Amino acid sequence: MPGQWLIFLCFLFGILVYGSVASPKADSVLRIGIFAGSNWNVPDSDSYAVIDAAVKRFEEQHPGVHVAYVSGIKKEDYSEWLAEQVMNGTEPDVFMVLSDDFNLYASLGALKDLSDFEQQDPDFSLDEYYPAALSYGRYGTAQYALPYESVPTLMFVNKTLLAREGIRMPGNSWTWQDFLTICRQVTKDTDGDGVLDQFGCYDYSWQQAVVSDGLQLFRDDGRASYFADNRMEETVQFMMELRAVNRGHEVTAKDFDMGQVAFRPFTFAEYRTYKPYPWRIKKYTSFEWDCIKMPAGPSGSNISELGTLLMGMSARTKHELLAWEFLKELCYAPETQRQLLTDSQGMPVRRDIVESADTQQLLMKEAGDEQMNVATISEVMDEAAEVPKFKRYAGAMLMADNEIRKIINGIVPFNNALNKLQKEINAYLQY
């Protein structure tokens, strides 16, 4: 009999211990860190709508749990605010992670490794996400954050300008050569005053070009770079040719707004924001525009990088299970992902939500006569290039950008410049 009681007590103790680990304590407070406004630098009238709805659902599903957050933190102040919280050991249990900050927090151990949660949760699957969006939250072999929303970069096309010049709208399989040819055709002095007033493109960067030429600039471990690769030479030469078309004239955003520029890369958030409304360009002129994939380089394809906003969990949280469940509510729950389509300018990161009939209907309504094809958007998101993940990535790219701009602008001779740059960046990466 005493033995049976001992077994019973051990069993009861086990239940109590398990319950204390698996179940949250009553009146638990879960803190989250978010910023106000859009991550994509477009107007956002109610930036908390999606978060508030997710909080409400979560609290209803977890009685006795209260989710708290500080409102009013601007995006431009958020990195500094979060850094101060992490330094003081007071960071929220769950918080937004800007893509530029992720490598630092992951390398410092400030973010919780989510691998165990992912593998042991039967109600969660990484396969629902677009690979490029998911990769933003991966550091080394582990997942330290989940994607919340994403935006692909596409090429805006001034359809009115092309039609006026008798040029057909390029398709989604167009190339650098197609791009350059059209830019040369449309760049001209239209009023005969001897000054160029119509241009091919504005704000197209060498970084966008190199992605579409299929070059991975850094070794996976971040200890070496490939700036001397032939594809980097192709990219720089192409950018020099593109710049030469303008004959020294610096094309501006106002030129685009005036309807005098054929092409400009924009995020899909900007497309969603400005396509349905008389944007500020209407102050100057009126033209029809649409967007297509980025032009492909000789060795690449029609791809671009995918901007992604992340959510992560503090490595020091005392509410691991609650934090994981709330992270799922924000980054995985279909209700949250669907609401992003109506209350944010970003795109969901779940493939099934993006490719749904509801999403197609919404985008068709937003675009008016120009019916945006969801299949194209999903394809761009699916094929997007993954951004390298190592601690010195931002510094290395800043070094590269400074030097490559000098080459493109003719300040530094092209000969052997990329070899020199590669050596300098490799030395920086080894330091």
Protein backbone atom coordinates (compact mmCIF):
# COMPACT_ATOMS: atom_id res chain seq x y z
CA MET A 1 0.00 0.00 0.00
CA PRO A 2 2.69 2.57 0.92
CA GLY A 3 4.40 1.71 -2.39
CA GLN A 4 1.20 2.44 -4.30
CA TRP A 5 0.85 5.79 -2.55
CA LEU A 6 4.46 6.61 -3.37
CA ILE A 7 3.84 5.86 -7.03
CA PHE A 8 0.69 7.97 -6.95
CA LEU A 9 2.47 10.90 -5.33
CA CYS A 10 5.31 10.70 -7.85
CA PHE A 11 2.75 10.67 -10.66
CA LEU A 12 0.92 13.64 -9.13
CA PHE A 13 4.19 15.51 -8.67
CA GLY A 14 5.08 14.90 -12.28
CA ILE A 15 1.76 16.32 -13.43
CA LEU A 16 2.25 19.39 -11.27
CA VAL A 17 5.78 19.95 -12.51
CA TYR A 18 4.75 19.50 -16.14
CA GLY A 19 1.83 21.82 -15.63
CA SER A 20 4.09 24.49 -14.20
CA VAL A 21 6.27 24.31 -17.33
CA ALA A 22 3.64 23.81 -20.01
CA SER A 23 0.94 26.12 -18.68
CA PRO A 24 1.36 29.84 -18.12
CA LYS A 25 0.81 31.27 -14.68
CA ALA A 26 -2.37 33.26 -14.13
CA ASP A 27 -2.16 36.98 -14.77
CA SER A 28 1.02 36.66 -16.83
CA VAL A 29 2.20 39.77 -18.70
CA LEU A 30 3.78 39.28 -22.12
CA ARG A 31 5.65 42.33 -23.44
CA ILE A 32 6.09 43.01 -27.15
CA GLY A 33 8.20 45.59 -28.96
CA ILE A 34 6.85 47.23 -32.12
CA PHE A 35 7.14 50.54 -33.92
CA ALA A 36 4.45 52.81 -35.31
CA GLY A 37 3.97 53.29 -39.02
CA SER A 38 4.91 51.27 -42.06
CA ASN A 39 8.19 49.41 -42.43
CA TRP A 40 8.05 50.22 -46.15
CA ASN A 41 8.14 54.04 -45.89
CA VAL A 42 4.61 54.55 -47.19
CA PRO A 43 1.61 56.16 -45.45
CA ASP A 44 -0.04 53.96 -42.82
CA SER A 45 -3.17 55.38 -41.22
CA ASP A 46 -3.63 52.64 -38.60
CA SER A 47 -0.33 50.87 -38.05
CA TYR A 48 -1.53 49.05 -34.92
CA ALA A 49 -4.68 47.52 -36.42
CA VAL A 50 -3.11 44.16 -37.29
CA ILE A 51 -1.20 43.94 -34.00
CA ASP A 52 -4.24 44.91 -31.90
CA ALA A 53 -6.40 42.28 -33.58
CA ALA A 54 -3.73 39.61 -33.00
CA VAL A 55 -3.41 40.66 -29.34
CA LYS A 56 -7.18 40.42 -28.86
CA ARG A 57 -7.34 36.91 -30.32
CA PHE A 58 -4.35 35.78 -28.29
CA GLU A 59 -5.71 37.10 -25.00
CA GLU A 60 -9.06 35.43 -25.66
CA GLN A 61 -7.27 32.13 -26.29
CA HIS A 62 -5.10 32.54 -23.15
CA PRO A 63 -7.22 33.72 -20.21
CA GLY A 64 -5.19 35.43 -17.51
CA VAL A 65 -2.52 36.58 -19.99
CA HIS A 66 -2.12 40.27 -20.82
CA VAL A 67 -0.09 41.50 -23.79
CA ALA A 68 1.49 44.91 -23.25
CA TYR A 69 3.43 47.18 -25.58
CA VAL A 70 4.71 50.74 -25.70
CA SER A 71 2.95 52.70 -28.44
CA GLY A 72 4.25 55.61 -30.45
CA ILE A 73 7.82 54.47 -31.12
CA LYS A 74 8.74 55.71 -34.60
CA LYS A 75 10.54 53.39 -36.97
CA GLU A 76 13.51 55.74 -37.19
CA ASP A 77 13.86 55.59 -33.39
CA TYR A 78 13.12 51.90 -32.98
CA SER A 79 16.64 50.47 -33.48
CA GLU A 80 18.06 52.78 -30.82
CA TRP A 81 15.17 52.06 -28.45
CA LEU A 82 15.53 48.29 -28.82
CA ALA A 83 19.32 48.42 -28.47
CA GLU A 84 18.94 50.29 -25.18
CA GLN A 85 16.41 47.71 -23.96
CA VAL A 86 18.73 44.82 -24.84
CA MET A 87 21.73 46.50 -23.17
CA ASN A 88 19.69 47.01 -19.99
CA GLY A 89 18.30 43.47 -20.04
CA THR A 90 14.75 44.83 -20.31
CA GLU A 91 13.94 43.88 -23.89
CA PRO A 92 10.36 42.69 -24.62
CA ASP A 93 9.52 38.98 -24.74
CA VAL A 94 8.64 39.29 -28.44
CA PHE A 95 9.79 42.12 -30.68
CA MET A 96 10.08 43.33 -34.25
CA VAL A 97 13.53 42.98 -35.74
CA LEU A 98 14.51 45.27 -38.60
CA SER A 99 16.40 43.40 -41.31
CA ASP A 100 19.47 45.63 -40.85
CA ASP A 101 19.61 44.74 -37.16
CA PHE A 102 19.02 41.01 -37.35
CA ASN A 103 22.59 39.85 -37.95
CA LEU A 104 23.81 41.78 -34.92
CA TYR A 105 21.17 40.48 -32.50
CA ALA A 106 21.47 36.91 -33.74
CA SER A 107 25.27 36.93 -33.48
CA LEU A 108 25.14 38.42 -29.96
CA GLY A 109 22.75 35.76 -28.70
CA ALA A 110 19.95 38.25 -27.96
CA LEU A 111 17.43 36.19 -29.94
CA LYS A 112 16.07 32.82 -28.91
CA ASP A 113 16.86 29.88 -31.19
CA LEU A 114 13.43 28.77 -32.41
CA SER A 115 14.49 25.37 -33.74
CA ASP A 116 13.06 23.28 -30.87
CA PHE A 117 9.72 25.10 -30.97
CA GLU A 118 9.43 24.64 -34.73
CA GLN A 119 10.26 20.95 -34.64
CA GLN A 120 8.05 20.05 -31.68
CA ASP A 121 4.95 22.08 -32.57
CA PRO A 122 2.51 19.97 -34.62
CA ASP A 123 0.53 23.12 -35.52
CA PHE A 124 3.43 24.82 -37.26
CA SER A 125 5.30 24.23 -40.52
CA LEU A 126 8.10 26.24 -42.08
CA ASP A 127 6.92 24.97 -45.48
CA GLU A 128 4.08 27.52 -45.43
CA TYR A 129 6.56 30.38 -45.85
CA TYR A 130 8.30 31.69 -48.93
CA PRO A 131 11.95 30.52 -48.66
CA ALA A 132 13.51 33.98 -49.12
CA ALA A 133 11.26 35.52 -46.45
CA LEU A 134 12.10 32.73 -44.04
CA SER A 135 15.82 33.03 -44.74
CA TYR A 136 15.86 36.58 -43.36
CA GLY A 137 15.40 35.12 -39.88
CA ARG A 138 18.03 32.39 -40.25
CA TYR A 139 21.53 32.77 -38.87
CA GLY A 140 23.95 29.92 -39.46
CA THR A 141 21.85 26.77 -39.38
CA ALA A 142 19.25 28.02 -36.88
CA GLN A 143 16.06 30.07 -37.18
CA TYR A 144 16.13 33.05 -34.80
CA ALA A 145 13.14 35.01 -36.11
CA LEU A 146 10.03 34.51 -38.22
CA PRO A 147 8.92 36.69 -41.13
CA TYR A 148 5.94 38.95 -40.42
CA GLU A 149 5.44 40.62 -43.80
CA SER A 150 7.43 41.08 -47.00
CA VAL A 151 7.56 43.21 -50.12
CA PRO A 152 9.23 42.32 -53.42
CA THR A 153 10.97 44.96 -55.51
CA LEU A 154 9.59 45.39 -59.02
CA MET A 155 10.25 47.73 -61.91
CA PHE A 156 7.70 50.52 -62.35
CA VAL A 157 7.06 51.34 -65.99
CA ASN A 158 5.69 54.61 -67.33
CA LYS A 159 3.33 53.12 -69.88
CA THR A 160 2.27 56.50 -71.21
CA LEU A 161 5.85 57.49 -72.06
CA LEU A 162 6.56 54.19 -73.82
CA ALA A 163 3.32 54.43 -75.81
CA ARG A 164 4.21 57.98 -76.86
CA GLU A 165 7.56 56.70 -78.15
CA GLY A 166 5.95 53.74 -79.93
CA ILE A 167 7.66 51.20 -77.65
CA ARG A 168 5.89 48.07 -76.48
CA MET A 169 5.67 47.30 -72.77
CA PRO A 170 8.47 44.84 -71.84
CA GLY A 171 7.48 41.41 -70.59
CA ASN A 172 8.56 39.72 -67.35
CA SER A 173 11.37 37.89 -69.14
CA TRP A 174 13.14 41.02 -70.36
CA THR A 175 16.91 41.44 -70.12
CA TRP A 176 19.55 44.06 -69.34
CA GLN A 177 19.96 44.56 -73.08
CA ASP A 178 16.24 45.22 -73.50
CA PHE A 179 16.41 47.66 -70.60
CA LEU A 180 19.43 49.49 -72.01
CA THR A 181 17.97 49.63 -75.53
CA ILE A 182 14.73 51.22 -74.33
CA CYS A 183 16.61 53.67 -72.11
CA ARG A 184 18.65 54.80 -75.13
CA GLN A 185 15.51 55.14 -77.26
CA VAL A 186 13.59 57.33 -74.81
CA THR A 187 16.44 59.54 -73.53
CA LYS A 188 16.22 62.75 -75.52
CA ASP A 189 15.64 66.49 -75.65
CA THR A 190 11.91 66.68 -76.39
CA ASP A 191 11.51 70.46 -76.54
CA GLY A 192 14.59 71.29 -78.59
CA ASP A 193 16.30 73.52 -76.03
CA GLY A 194 19.50 71.49 -76.10
CA VAL A 195 18.93 69.95 -72.67
CA LEU A 196 17.84 66.37 -72.02
CA ASP A 197 14.37 66.29 -70.46
CA GLN A 198 13.25 62.68 -70.94
CA PHE A 199 15.11 59.71 -69.47
CA GLY A 200 15.32 55.96 -69.29
CA CYS A 201 15.55 55.18 -65.59
CA TYR A 202 15.90 56.56 -62.09
CA ASP A 203 17.19 54.94 -58.89
CA TYR A 204 18.30 51.63 -60.40
CA SER A 205 21.30 50.39 -58.40
CA TRP A 206 24.29 48.15 -58.97
CA GLN A 207 23.08 46.01 -56.04
CA GLN A 208 19.84 45.29 -57.90
CA ALA A 209 21.77 44.55 -61.07
CA VAL A 210 24.20 42.12 -59.45
CA VAL A 211 21.33 40.14 -57.90
CA SER A 212 19.71 39.73 -61.30
CA ASP A 213 23.02 38.52 -62.77
CA GLY A 214 23.13 35.56 -60.39
CA LEU A 215 26.21 36.51 -58.39
CA GLN A 216 26.53 35.62 -54.72
CA LEU A 217 28.86 38.33 -53.44
CA PHE A 218 30.02 36.55 -50.27
CA ARG A 219 30.98 33.08 -49.16
CA ASP A 220 28.32 31.47 -46.96
CA ASP A 221 30.42 31.86 -43.82
CA GLY A 222 31.06 35.56 -44.53
CA ARG A 223 34.85 35.16 -44.54
CA ALA A 224 35.47 35.92 -48.21
CA SER A 225 33.94 37.91 -51.08
CA TYR A 226 33.68 37.56 -54.86
CA PHE A 227 33.85 41.14 -56.13
CA ALA A 228 36.47 40.16 -58.71
CA ASP A 229 34.07 37.66 -60.31
CA ASN A 230 33.35 38.10 -64.03
CA ARG A 231 29.68 38.73 -63.24
CA MET A 232 30.65 41.67 -61.07
CA GLU A 233 32.60 43.06 -64.02
CA GLU A 234 29.51 42.55 -66.20
CA THR A 235 27.42 44.43 -63.65
CA VAL A 236 29.76 47.41 -63.39
CA GLN A 237 30.18 47.67 -67.16
CA PHE A 238 26.41 47.57 -67.60
CA MET A 239 25.89 50.27 -64.97
CA MET A 240 28.52 52.44 -66.68
CA GLU A 241 26.71 52.06 -70.01
CA LEU A 242 23.39 52.88 -68.36
CA ARG A 243 24.84 55.99 -66.75
CA ALA A 244 26.41 57.11 -70.04
CA VAL A 245 22.96 57.25 -71.65
CA ASN A 246 22.13 60.33 -69.55
CA ARG A 247 25.24 62.22 -70.77
CA GLY A 248 26.09 63.53 -67.32
CA HIS A 249 22.56 64.58 -66.35
CA GLU A 250 21.54 63.47 -62.84
CA VAL A 251 18.00 62.12 -63.06
CA THR A 252 15.85 63.00 -60.04
CA ALA A 253 12.68 61.81 -58.35
CA LYS A 254 10.98 64.96 -59.65
CA ASP A 255 11.80 63.90 -63.23
CA PHE A 256 9.95 60.65 -62.55
CA ASP A 257 7.04 62.46 -60.89
CA MET A 258 6.76 64.71 -63.93
CA GLY A 259 6.28 61.65 -66.11
CA GLN A 260 9.65 62.09 -67.85
CA VAL A 261 11.26 58.77 -66.81
CA ALA A 262 10.43 55.36 -68.26
CA PHE A 263 11.59 53.06 -65.43
CA ARG A 264 12.01 53.20 -61.65
CA PRO A 265 12.40 50.30 -59.19
CA PHE A 266 9.78 50.39 -56.44
CA THR A 267 8.64 48.06 -53.73
CA PHE A 268 5.27 46.40 -54.08
CA ALA A 269 4.17 48.32 -50.97
CA GLU A 270 4.61 51.50 -52.98
CA TYR A 271 2.65 49.99 -55.84
CA ARG A 272 -0.21 49.08 -53.48
CA THR A 273 -0.17 52.50 -51.86
CA TYR A 274 0.07 54.70 -54.92
CA LYS A 275 -1.55 52.76 -57.76
CA PRO A 276 -5.18 53.29 -56.69
CA TYR A 277 -4.85 56.95 -55.77
CA PRO A 278 -3.83 60.26 -57.37
CA TRP A 279 -0.35 60.24 -55.88
CA ARG A 280 1.78 63.40 -55.80
CA ILE A 281 2.76 62.89 -59.43
CA LYS A 282 -0.72 64.15 -60.28
CA LYS A 283 0.43 67.58 -59.14
CA TYR A 284 2.53 67.79 -62.26
CA THR A 285 1.15 65.49 -64.90
CA SER A 286 -0.87 62.37 -65.48
CA PHE A 287 0.45 59.08 -66.75
CA GLU A 288 -0.36 55.43 -66.49
CA TRP A 289 2.13 53.11 -64.85
CA ASP A 290 2.45 49.43 -64.06
CA CYS A 291 5.12 47.10 -62.71
CA ILE A 292 7.01 44.08 -64.02
CA LYS A 293 9.91 41.91 -62.88
CA MET A 294 13.44 43.32 -62.83
CA PRO A 295 15.53 42.83 -65.99
CA ALA A 296 17.77 39.75 -66.08
CA GLY A 297 21.52 39.91 -66.49
CA PRO A 298 23.42 37.68 -68.97
CA SER A 299 24.20 35.12 -66.28
CA GLY A 300 21.09 35.53 -64.14
CA SER A 301 17.32 35.81 -64.14
CA ASN A 302 14.46 38.24 -63.45
CA ILE A 303 14.82 38.27 -59.68
CA SER A 304 15.23 40.82 -56.91
CA GLU A 305 15.65 40.82 -53.16
CA LEU A 306 12.64 40.49 -50.91
CA GLY A 307 12.32 43.09 -48.16
CA THR A 308 11.15 41.37 -44.97
CA LEU A 309 10.14 42.52 -41.49
CA LEU A 310 10.94 39.97 -38.78
CA MET A 311 9.59 39.07 -35.35
CA GLY A 312 11.78 37.36 -32.77
CA MET A 313 11.78 36.14 -29.18
CA SER A 314 14.13 37.37 -26.47
CA ALA A 315 16.70 34.79 -25.42
CA ARG A 316 16.02 35.93 -21.83
CA THR A 317 12.23 35.69 -21.85
CA LYS A 318 10.68 34.02 -18.81
CA HIS A 319 7.59 33.10 -20.85
CA GLU A 320 9.01 30.91 -23.61
CA LEU A 321 5.86 28.96 -24.42
CA LEU A 322 3.64 32.02 -24.33
CA ALA A 323 6.12 33.99 -26.42
CA TRP A 324 6.22 31.20 -29.02
CA GLU A 325 2.43 31.02 -29.20
CA PHE A 326 2.18 34.77 -29.63
CA LEU A 327 4.95 34.75 -32.24
CA LYS A 328 2.87 32.25 -34.18
CA GLU A 329 -0.21 34.45 -33.82
CA LEU A 330 1.69 37.34 -35.38
CA CYS A 331 3.72 35.55 -38.05
CA TYR A 332 1.82 32.36 -38.86
CA ALA A 333 -1.89 32.62 -38.02
CA PRO A 334 -3.95 32.90 -41.24
CA GLU A 335 -6.13 35.61 -39.66
CA THR A 336 -3.13 37.88 -39.10
CA GLN A 337 -1.65 37.17 -42.49
CA ARG A 338 -4.95 37.93 -44.24
CA GLN A 339 -5.38 41.19 -42.34
CA LEU A 340 -2.00 42.41 -43.58
CA LEU A 341 -3.60 42.67 -47.01
CA THR A 342 -6.20 45.18 -45.83
CA ASP A 343 -4.46 47.05 -43.00
CA SER A 344 -0.84 47.12 -44.19
CA GLN A 345 0.92 47.76 -47.48
CA GLY A 346 3.13 44.71 -47.12
CA MET A 347 2.39 41.23 -48.39
CA PRO A 348 1.74 38.10 -46.33
CA VAL A 349 4.65 35.68 -46.02
CA ARG A 350 2.48 32.57 -46.22
CA ARG A 351 2.20 31.26 -49.76
CA ASP A 352 -1.37 29.99 -49.33
CA ILE A 353 -2.59 33.45 -48.30
CA VAL A 354 -0.80 35.26 -51.14
CA GLU A 355 -2.10 32.82 -53.75
CA SER A 356 -5.68 32.80 -52.47
CA ALA A 357 -8.66 33.99 -54.51
CA ASP A 358 -9.33 36.70 -51.91
CA THR A 359 -5.88 38.19 -52.46
CA GLN A 360 -6.36 38.19 -56.23
CA GLN A 361 -9.70 39.92 -55.85
CA LEU A 362 -8.24 42.57 -53.54
CA LEU A 363 -5.32 43.37 -55.82
CA MET A 364 -7.58 43.56 -58.85
CA LYS A 365 -9.77 46.06 -56.99
CA GLU A 366 -6.74 48.15 -55.92
CA ALA A 367 -5.20 48.20 -59.38
CA GLY A 368 -8.33 49.36 -61.15
CA ASP A 369 -8.07 48.61 -64.84
CA GLU A 370 -4.58 47.18 -64.46
CA GLN A 371 -5.29 43.81 -62.90
CA MET A 372 -2.26 42.74 -60.93
CA ASN A 373 -1.61 39.04 -61.37
CA VAL A 374 -1.15 37.27 -58.02
CA ALA A 375 0.71 34.46 -59.77
CA THR A 376 3.40 36.94 -60.85
CA ILE A 377 3.75 38.40 -57.35
CA SER A 378 3.97 34.94 -55.82
CA GLU A 379 6.58 33.95 -58.40
CA VAL A 380 8.70 37.02 -57.60
CA MET A 381 8.50 36.26 -53.88
CA ASP A 382 9.27 32.59 -54.45
CA GLU A 383 12.31 33.26 -56.64
CA ALA A 384 13.69 36.19 -54.62
CA ALA A 385 17.37 36.24 -53.75
CA GLU A 386 18.35 35.49 -50.18
CA VAL A 387 20.32 38.12 -48.28
CA PRO A 388 23.63 36.96 -46.71
CA LYS A 389 23.63 36.50 -42.93
CA PHE A 390 26.87 37.31 -41.16
CA LYS A 391 27.89 39.96 -38.67
CA ARG A 392 30.03 42.13 -40.97
CA TYR A 393 27.69 42.08 -43.96
CA ALA A 394 26.42 45.66 -43.56
CA GLY A 395 29.94 47.05 -43.16
CA ALA A 396 31.28 45.12 -46.15
CA MET A 397 28.43 46.31 -48.37
CA LEU A 398 28.98 49.91 -47.31
CA MET A 399 32.66 49.62 -48.31
CA ALA A 400 31.70 48.05 -51.61
CA ASP A 401 29.03 50.63 -52.39
CA ASN A 402 31.39 53.54 -51.82
CA GLU A 403 34.02 52.13 -54.18
CA ILE A 404 31.73 50.76 -56.87
CA ARG A 405 29.91 54.08 -57.13
CA LYS A 406 33.28 55.72 -57.77
CA ILE A 407 34.01 53.24 -60.55
CA ILE A 408 30.60 53.68 -62.17
CA ASN A 409 30.89 57.48 -61.98
CA GLY A 410 34.37 57.42 -63.55
CA ILE A 411 36.14 58.72 -60.44
CA VAL A 412 38.21 55.56 -60.10
CA PRO A 413 39.66 53.73 -63.15
CA PHE A 414 37.88 50.45 -63.87
CA ASN A 415 41.08 48.48 -64.55
CA ASN A 416 41.93 46.22 -61.61
CA ALA A 417 39.58 48.20 -59.31
CA LEU A 418 37.42 45.18 -58.47
CA ASN A 419 40.44 43.01 -57.64
CA LYS A 420 41.65 45.69 -55.26
CA LEU A 421 38.18 46.01 -53.73
CA GLN A 422 37.94 42.26 -53.16
CA LYS A 423 41.26 42.22 -51.32
CA GLU A 424 40.21 45.13 -49.11
CA ILE A 425 36.86 43.59 -48.26
CA ASN A 426 38.39 40.16 -47.61
CA ALA A 427 40.85 41.78 -45.20
CA TYR A 428 37.92 43.47 -43.44
CA LEU A 429 36.03 40.18 -43.23
CA GLN A 430 39.05 38.43 -41.71
CA TYR A 431 39.67 41.11 -39.10
